[in-house]
Amino acid sequence: MADFTKDVYRLLNQHGCTLIRRGKGDHNIYYSPIKNKNVSVDGKITIRHMANKIMRDAGINYKF
């Protein structure tokens, strides 16, 4: 099974996104300066489509 978690968090940090707070369960809330909004990020991302949705929500032009 694929694991996109480290790559997603690495890309978020490289694009200036910052951790706002720990969410409920295993989610984290990140602030994206690109879109000027908060993005919910799962603690374990194993589905490529979910990783791509997080990138899209954060305004990062990257596809897994």
N, C-alpha and C. Protein backbone atom coordinates (compact mmCIF):
# COMPACT_ATOMS: atom_id res chain seq x y z
N MET A 1 0.85 -1.18 0.00
CA MET A 1 0.00 0.00 0.00
C MET A 1 0.89 1.25 0.00
N ALA A 2 0.53 2.19 -0.80
CA ALA A 2 1.31 3.43 -0.92
C ALA A 2 1.07 4.31 0.31
N ASP A 3 2.08 5.10 0.63
CA ASP A 3 1.97 6.05 1.74
C ASP A 3 2.48 7.41 1.26
N PHE A 4 1.56 8.35 1.13
CA PHE A 4 1.87 9.68 0.62
C PHE A 4 2.07 10.69 1.75
N THR A 5 1.95 10.26 2.99
CA THR A 5 1.93 11.17 4.13
C THR A 5 3.16 12.07 4.20
N LYS A 6 4.35 11.49 4.19
CA LYS A 6 5.57 12.29 4.32
C LYS A 6 5.72 13.28 3.17
N ASP A 7 5.40 12.85 1.97
CA ASP A 7 5.52 13.74 0.81
C ASP A 7 4.54 14.91 0.90
N VAL A 8 3.32 14.64 1.34
CA VAL A 8 2.31 15.71 1.46
C VAL A 8 2.77 16.74 2.50
N TYR A 9 3.19 16.28 3.67
CA TYR A 9 3.64 17.21 4.70
C TYR A 9 4.88 17.98 4.27
N ARG A 10 5.79 17.32 3.56
CA ARG A 10 7.01 17.98 3.06
C ARG A 10 6.64 19.10 2.09
N LEU A 11 5.73 18.81 1.15
CA LEU A 11 5.32 19.81 0.17
C LEU A 11 4.57 20.97 0.82
N LEU A 12 3.73 20.67 1.80
CA LEU A 12 3.02 21.74 2.51
C LEU A 12 4.03 22.69 3.16
N ASN A 13 5.02 22.13 3.84
CA ASN A 13 6.03 22.96 4.51
C ASN A 13 6.88 23.74 3.51
N GLN A 14 7.23 23.13 2.39
CA GLN A 14 8.03 23.83 1.38
C GLN A 14 7.30 25.02 0.78
N HIS A 15 5.96 24.96 0.74
CA HIS A 15 5.18 26.04 0.16
C HIS A 15 4.67 27.02 1.22
N GLY A 16 5.24 26.97 2.42
CA GLY A 16 4.92 27.96 3.44
C GLY A 16 3.69 27.68 4.27
N CYS A 17 3.11 26.51 4.14
CA CYS A 17 1.94 26.18 4.96
C CYS A 17 2.41 25.88 6.38
N THR A 18 1.62 26.32 7.35
CA THR A 18 2.00 26.16 8.75
C THR A 18 0.91 25.41 9.52
N LEU A 19 1.35 24.63 10.49
CA LEU A 19 0.42 23.89 11.33
C LEU A 19 -0.29 24.87 12.26
N ILE A 20 -1.60 24.87 12.21
CA ILE A 20 -2.41 25.74 13.06
C ILE A 20 -2.73 25.01 14.37
N ARG A 21 -3.24 23.78 14.24
CA ARG A 21 -3.59 23.00 15.43
C ARG A 21 -3.83 21.55 15.04
N ARG A 22 -3.83 20.73 16.05
CA ARG A 22 -4.20 19.34 15.87
C ARG A 22 -5.72 19.29 15.80
N GLY A 23 -6.23 18.56 14.83
CA GLY A 23 -7.68 18.44 14.70
C GLY A 23 -8.19 17.25 15.48
N LYS A 24 -9.45 16.93 15.27
CA LYS A 24 -10.04 15.77 15.92
C LYS A 24 -9.51 14.50 15.26
N GLY A 25 -9.34 13.48 16.06
CA GLY A 25 -8.83 12.22 15.53
C GLY A 25 -7.38 12.38 15.12
N ASP A 26 -7.06 11.95 13.91
CA ASP A 26 -5.67 12.03 13.45
C ASP A 26 -5.48 13.08 12.36
N HIS A 27 -6.35 14.09 12.35
CA HIS A 27 -6.24 15.17 11.36
C HIS A 27 -5.49 16.36 11.95
N ASN A 28 -4.82 17.10 11.07
CA ASN A 28 -4.16 18.34 11.44
C ASN A 28 -4.72 19.46 10.58
N ILE A 29 -4.75 20.65 11.11
CA ILE A 29 -5.24 21.82 10.37
C ILE A 29 -4.04 22.68 10.01
N TYR A 30 -3.83 22.88 8.72
CA TYR A 30 -2.73 23.70 8.22
C TYR A 30 -3.30 24.96 7.59
N TYR A 31 -2.55 26.05 7.71
CA TYR A 31 -2.91 27.30 7.04
C TYR A 31 -2.11 27.40 5.74
N SER A 32 -2.81 27.64 4.63
CA SER A 32 -2.17 27.80 3.33
C SER A 32 -2.14 29.28 2.95
N PRO A 33 -0.94 29.89 2.89
CA PRO A 33 -0.86 31.30 2.49
C PRO A 33 -1.18 31.49 1.01
N ILE A 34 -1.09 30.44 0.23
CA ILE A 34 -1.39 30.53 -1.20
C ILE A 34 -2.89 30.78 -1.40
N LYS A 35 -3.72 30.02 -0.72
CA LYS A 35 -5.18 30.16 -0.83
C LYS A 35 -5.78 31.02 0.27
N ASN A 36 -4.94 31.38 1.28
CA ASN A 36 -5.40 32.16 2.42
C ASN A 36 -6.56 31.47 3.14
N LYS A 37 -6.40 30.15 3.38
CA LYS A 37 -7.43 29.41 4.09
C LYS A 37 -6.81 28.22 4.81
N ASN A 38 -7.58 27.63 5.71
CA ASN A 38 -7.14 26.45 6.43
C ASN A 38 -7.47 25.19 5.64
N VAL A 39 -6.59 24.19 5.76
CA VAL A 39 -6.75 22.93 5.05
C VAL A 39 -6.63 21.80 6.06
N SER A 40 -7.58 20.85 6.01
CA SER A 40 -7.54 19.69 6.87
C SER A 40 -6.68 18.62 6.21
N VAL A 41 -5.73 18.07 6.99
CA VAL A 41 -4.80 17.07 6.45
C VAL A 41 -4.85 15.84 7.34
N ASP A 42 -5.14 14.70 6.73
CA ASP A 42 -5.20 13.44 7.45
C ASP A 42 -3.82 13.03 7.94
N GLY A 43 -3.74 12.35 9.05
CA GLY A 43 -2.47 11.91 9.61
C GLY A 43 -1.84 10.76 8.85
N LYS A 44 -2.63 10.01 8.09
CA LYS A 44 -2.13 8.88 7.31
C LYS A 44 -2.82 8.93 5.94
N ILE A 45 -2.06 9.26 4.91
CA ILE A 45 -2.61 9.43 3.56
C ILE A 45 -2.13 8.27 2.70
N THR A 46 -3.03 7.34 2.40
CA THR A 46 -2.65 6.16 1.62
C THR A 46 -3.29 6.14 0.23
N ILE A 47 -4.15 7.11 -0.05
CA ILE A 47 -4.84 7.16 -1.34
C ILE A 47 -4.34 8.36 -2.14
N ARG A 48 -3.91 8.10 -3.35
CA ARG A 48 -3.36 9.14 -4.22
C ARG A 48 -4.35 10.28 -4.44
N HIS A 49 -5.61 9.95 -4.62
CA HIS A 49 -6.62 10.98 -4.88
C HIS A 49 -6.79 11.91 -3.67
N MET A 50 -6.65 11.38 -2.47
CA MET A 50 -6.73 12.21 -1.28
C MET A 50 -5.53 13.14 -1.20
N ALA A 51 -4.34 12.62 -1.52
CA ALA A 51 -3.13 13.44 -1.52
C ALA A 51 -3.28 14.58 -2.53
N ASN A 52 -3.81 14.28 -3.71
CA ASN A 52 -4.01 15.31 -4.74
C ASN A 52 -5.05 16.34 -4.30
N LYS A 53 -6.09 15.90 -3.59
CA LYS A 53 -7.12 16.84 -3.11
C LYS A 53 -6.53 17.81 -2.09
N ILE A 54 -5.68 17.31 -1.21
CA ILE A 54 -5.04 18.18 -0.23
C ILE A 54 -4.16 19.22 -0.93
N MET A 55 -3.41 18.79 -1.94
CA MET A 55 -2.57 19.72 -2.71
C MET A 55 -3.45 20.78 -3.39
N ARG A 56 -4.54 20.35 -3.98
CA ARG A 56 -5.46 21.27 -4.66
C ARG A 56 -6.06 22.25 -3.66
N ASP A 57 -6.51 21.75 -2.50
CA ASP A 57 -7.11 22.61 -1.47
C ASP A 57 -6.12 23.64 -0.96
N ALA A 58 -4.83 23.27 -0.89
CA ALA A 58 -3.79 24.18 -0.40
C ALA A 58 -3.29 25.12 -1.49
N GLY A 59 -3.69 24.90 -2.74
CA GLY A 59 -3.26 25.76 -3.84
C GLY A 59 -1.90 25.40 -4.39
N ILE A 60 -1.45 24.18 -4.13
CA ILE A 60 -0.15 23.72 -4.60
C ILE A 60 -0.34 22.94 -5.89
N ASN A 61 0.35 23.36 -6.93
CA ASN A 61 0.23 22.72 -8.24
C ASN A 61 1.16 21.51 -8.30
N TYR A 62 0.69 20.38 -7.77
CA TYR A 62 1.47 19.16 -7.73
C TYR A 62 0.51 17.97 -7.76
N LYS A 63 0.85 16.97 -8.57
CA LYS A 63 0.01 15.75 -8.64
C LYS A 63 0.87 14.53 -8.37
N PHE A 64 0.32 13.66 -7.55
CA PHE A 64 1.00 12.40 -7.24
C PHE A 64 0.65 11.35 -8.27
